[in-house]
Amino acid sequence: MTLEIDEAPPTLTSEQTLTGWRRELCVELLGEGRARVFMRAVEAPSLKATELHRGVLFHRVASNFTDLAGCAAAARESLEQLAASAARQQPSKDNLFAAVTYDRRAWEGVVSAVEDWQRRRRPAVSR
């Protein structure tokens, strides 16, 4: 089981944040128990069908989200279940968009862990 974590967060300027740009946490399902976890900045919401064709699942995160490594550590069990469940497939006329199959409950577990991690209580900063 291999999780590749790309920790370099995309930067968003104040202007981009005000004009609708957003960050997405992405999981690219590579097959054979492997997945790449990364973040990206997008100007418009991503289209699920387009991303499934590439084997990428995504979830919108807060504009101040920067600690991908910490979040991935908190969601590691769910991420590993998701990666283990993924299988690459050739698109067919019955299934034109999904290049990968995966356990949807495992993905829901990842989303839940990410949401919980974002809402966690952070220690107060002393001044």
Protein backbone atom coordinates (compact mmCIF):
# COMPACT_ATOMS: atom_id res chain seq x y z
CA MET A 1 0.00 0.00 0.00
CA THR A 2 1.56 3.25 -1.11
CA LEU A 3 0.30 6.77 -0.50
CA GLU A 4 2.24 9.50 -2.24
CA ILE A 5 1.63 12.84 -0.51
CA ASP A 6 2.47 15.95 -2.52
CA GLU A 7 2.76 18.47 0.30
CA ALA A 8 3.28 21.62 -1.80
CA PRO A 9 0.05 23.60 -1.32
CA PRO A 10 -1.04 25.81 -4.19
CA THR A 11 -0.99 29.49 -3.30
CA LEU A 12 -4.08 31.62 -3.67
CA THR A 13 -3.83 35.38 -3.70
CA SER A 14 -6.41 37.48 -1.86
CA GLU A 15 -7.79 38.54 -5.23
CA GLN A 16 -8.19 34.94 -6.37
CA THR A 17 -9.97 34.02 -3.14
CA LEU A 18 -12.37 36.95 -3.58
CA THR A 19 -13.08 36.07 -7.21
CA GLY A 20 -14.12 32.47 -6.58
CA TRP A 21 -10.93 30.45 -6.80
CA ARG A 22 -10.93 27.46 -4.47
CA ARG A 23 -8.68 24.70 -3.21
CA GLU A 24 -9.43 21.05 -3.68
CA LEU A 25 -7.91 18.07 -1.94
CA CYS A 26 -7.42 15.42 -4.62
CA VAL A 27 -6.78 11.69 -4.55
CA GLU A 28 -5.51 10.19 -7.78
CA LEU A 29 -6.20 6.46 -7.73
CA LEU A 30 -3.25 4.81 -9.44
CA GLY A 31 -4.34 1.19 -8.96
CA GLU A 32 -2.53 -1.70 -7.27
CA GLY A 33 -3.05 -0.15 -3.82
CA ARG A 34 -1.38 3.14 -4.80
CA ALA A 35 -2.76 6.67 -4.61
CA ARG A 36 -1.37 10.18 -4.92
CA VAL A 37 -2.79 12.82 -2.56
CA PHE A 38 -2.36 16.45 -3.58
CA MET A 39 -4.00 19.85 -3.52
CA ARG A 40 -4.83 22.13 -6.40
CA ALA A 41 -6.27 25.59 -6.91
CA VAL A 42 -9.10 25.87 -9.42
CA GLU A 43 -10.96 28.85 -10.80
CA ALA A 44 -14.22 26.96 -11.32
CA PRO A 45 -15.62 23.85 -9.67
CA SER A 46 -14.18 20.64 -11.11
CA LEU A 47 -16.43 18.35 -13.09
CA LYS A 48 -16.81 14.90 -11.53
CA ALA A 49 -17.09 13.02 -14.85
CA THR A 50 -13.97 14.66 -16.26
CA GLU A 51 -11.95 13.88 -13.14
CA LEU A 52 -13.22 10.28 -12.90
CA HIS A 53 -11.98 9.75 -16.44
CA ARG A 54 -8.53 10.62 -15.10
CA GLY A 55 -9.00 8.55 -11.90
CA VAL A 56 -9.04 11.63 -9.65
CA LEU A 57 -11.44 12.15 -6.74
CA PHE A 58 -11.62 15.63 -5.23
CA HIS A 59 -13.14 17.48 -2.29
CA ARG A 60 -13.28 21.22 -1.78
CA VAL A 61 -11.38 22.47 1.26
CA ALA A 62 -11.23 25.83 3.02
CA SER A 63 -9.15 28.61 1.49
CA ASN A 64 -6.85 28.60 4.54
CA PHE A 65 -6.18 24.84 4.29
CA THR A 66 -2.41 24.30 4.06
CA ASP A 67 -1.40 21.26 6.15
CA LEU A 68 -1.96 18.42 3.70
CA ALA A 69 0.50 16.15 5.52
CA GLY A 70 -1.38 16.54 8.83
CA CYS A 71 -4.73 15.98 7.17
CA ALA A 72 -3.46 12.92 5.27
CA ALA A 73 -2.10 11.49 8.51
CA ALA A 74 -5.50 11.94 10.18
CA ALA A 75 -7.28 10.32 7.20
CA ARG A 76 -4.62 7.66 6.55
CA GLU A 77 -6.78 4.63 7.38
CA SER A 78 -9.58 5.81 5.07
CA LEU A 79 -7.08 6.76 2.33
CA GLU A 80 -5.49 3.31 2.51
CA GLN A 81 -8.91 1.62 2.30
CA LEU A 82 -9.74 3.76 -0.72
CA ALA A 83 -6.44 2.99 -2.46
CA ALA A 84 -6.81 -0.73 -1.74
CA SER A 85 -10.31 -0.76 -3.24
CA ALA A 86 -9.35 1.02 -6.48
CA ALA A 87 -8.97 -0.82 -9.77
CA ARG A 88 -8.09 0.74 -13.11
CA GLN A 89 -10.32 -0.24 -16.02
CA GLN A 90 -10.64 0.51 -19.69
CA PRO A 91 -13.60 2.76 -20.45
CA SER A 92 -16.32 0.96 -22.36
CA LYS A 93 -19.53 2.09 -24.03
CA ASP A 94 -21.38 1.11 -20.83
CA ASN A 95 -19.00 3.18 -18.72
CA LEU A 96 -17.42 6.00 -20.72
CA PHE A 97 -16.30 8.23 -17.88
CA ALA A 98 -14.81 6.18 -15.07
CA ALA A 99 -11.28 4.91 -15.68
CA VAL A 100 -11.25 3.50 -12.16
CA THR A 101 -13.66 1.73 -9.82
CA TYR A 102 -13.46 2.25 -6.07
CA ASP A 103 -15.37 1.69 -2.84
CA ARG A 104 -17.64 4.72 -2.46
CA ARG A 105 -17.90 4.17 1.30
CA ALA A 106 -14.12 4.39 1.55
CA TRP A 107 -14.23 7.74 -0.33
CA GLU A 108 -17.00 8.95 2.00
CA GLY A 109 -14.71 7.98 4.91
CA VAL A 110 -11.92 10.12 3.42
CA VAL A 111 -14.29 13.09 2.97
CA SER A 112 -15.57 12.70 6.54
CA ALA A 113 -12.02 12.54 7.92
CA VAL A 114 -11.03 15.65 5.95
CA GLU A 115 -14.08 17.56 7.20
CA ASP A 116 -13.44 16.47 10.80
CA TRP A 117 -9.79 17.47 10.48
CA GLN A 118 -10.72 20.93 9.19
CA ARG A 119 -13.14 21.45 12.09
CA ARG A 120 -10.75 20.21 14.76
CA ARG A 121 -10.02 22.41 17.69
CA ARG A 122 -6.65 24.08 17.37
CA PRO A 123 -4.61 25.11 20.39
CA ALA A 124 -4.70 28.81 21.19
CA VAL A 125 -1.67 30.80 20.13
CA SER A 126 -0.04 32.62 23.04
CA ARG A 127 1.23 36.13 22.44
